[in-house]
Amino acid sequence: MTENRINILDTARRLHFVGIGGSGMCPMAEILHHRGYTITGSDINESDTLQRIRSYGIKVYMGHHGDNIGDAEVVVYTAAAKQDNPELVAAREKGIPTLERSIVLGMLTDQFANTIAVSGTHGKTSTTGMLTQILIEAGRDPSAVIGGKLPFIGGNGRVGKSENMVCEACEYVDTFLQLHPAVSIILNVDADHLDYFGTLENIVKSFRKFSEQTASRLIVNGDDPEAMQAVAGLTHAETITFGRTENSDYYITELNEEDTACEDFTLMYRGEKICRVNLQVPGEHNMIDALAAAAAAHSMGVDGACIKAALEAFTGVHRRFEILGKFNGVTVADDFAHHPTELSATLSSAVRMGYNEVWAVFQPHTYSRTYMHLNDFAEVLSIPHHVVMTEILAVRETNTYDIHTSDLAAKIPGSCWFQSFDEIADYVIANAKENDLILTLGGGDIYKCANLIVEKYKTN
């Protein structure tokens, strides 16, 4: 913890979570509950997550009402909560501190001697899941906060009894600067969230500040120039690199050259073989994420046998090429990819998986990202055989860019777009044939379209 950094968790013992069922909120609530704090929460939608939270004896209110905060000493809220939320209004009227979740995550991780924070523009959730699985396999009993559901633990968080904590460190609006981890992984530094950062140079500066806040070890993608720029010259922490060649400390050899979707490779450390790994998740990007997770674990003293066993048992996380089922010979899958770099990795893997044709159903995510990366989106969406799109999901923006899905479609021959998920589902079901793949893609609520496609297949 840095000087003058006040941690309210040192004194407050009663916390109320506004939106407790959210993916970033429920793991923190669970960990704090098991560390002796009194937790309550509220949400507007029933879910399996809320049932899990209730099973611990945590009181959950449905709907947001001022009385829900009770005698809480701190009210925690998600970034999605509006400031006129009745519970936040009630807290302010009572003089109760209100804190956004990323601030509380920083305070929570300060309570662990060995917090490993996974940062990068792409791949954070998969890498965090892989590392968590490795540390469990190795008996290190970590706590974890993961951005997606990890089937291995049946949720997106874990309560451990050790001093090890694994969490994602998201760069958007500099939320990762709330963290002061012992170890940081930097997977990559790419041009994204330019509505906030403005330039790639500013993103690099934020990653450098994050690196400066890391106490003992930086594990960095040696093949990524911007990632290496972010840590250049830093001496306060050990820098360890991972990459495709022996120029990095951890690297890959004997990569299976066969055109298969899942990578098969030997993991090396400074000339020494650690283990042979045959991944069960597709794509070169997953191989690099696995390399990063393995580097972090091995640098903590985990042996090659544990690393191999965990990585080969890893089947992915929710919304990362998640197979939803096979209907009339057509496979339906869903993926979180929403940036051109992510789409390129996912779609390149998809077309190598042996399907006759790949139907990409893409939901553009934010006007700014679509406008600033328009040509890049058009290029990567030319990889699949068919492209079907929704209108742009506004998220937090207004369309000051005067950008529309039709502008993107005009650059992708043969593509089409629809106003509703219902229209999309009907279209792809009518046109997809046996041994095709329908793959929904996007960072918003496109997963609802994937679920609708599944429902329609089941009822037709």
Foldseek 3Di string as FASTA:
>chain_A
DDPPDDQCVVPFQEEEEEACLALQRVQVQVQSVVVRGQYEYEEADDDPSVVVSVVSVHHYYHAFACCRSPPGQEYEYEPPDDCVGRVNVSCVVVVRHYYYSLLNVQSVLVVFPAEEEEEEPDDQQFLLLLLVLLCVLLVVFEWERHNFQFVVVRGRTHHGDHSYYYYYQYCQVLSNLSHQGQEYEYLEQDDDNCVRQVDSVSSLCSLLSSVVSHAAEYEYAPVHVSRCVSCPPDDRYHYAYEYDDLVGQKHWDPWPPPLAFWIWTWIDGNHHTQGTATAQHGFPSSVSSLSSSVVVVVVVPRGSVSSRVSRNPGNGGPQCQAWPDAFQQETETGHADAALVSLLGVLVSVVSHPFPFEEEEEAHEALVRCVVCLVSVLVSVLSTPEYEYEWHDHVPHDNPVPDIVVSSVVSHPRYYYDHDLVVVLVVCVVPDHHRYYYYYYHNDVCVVSSVVNVVVSVVD
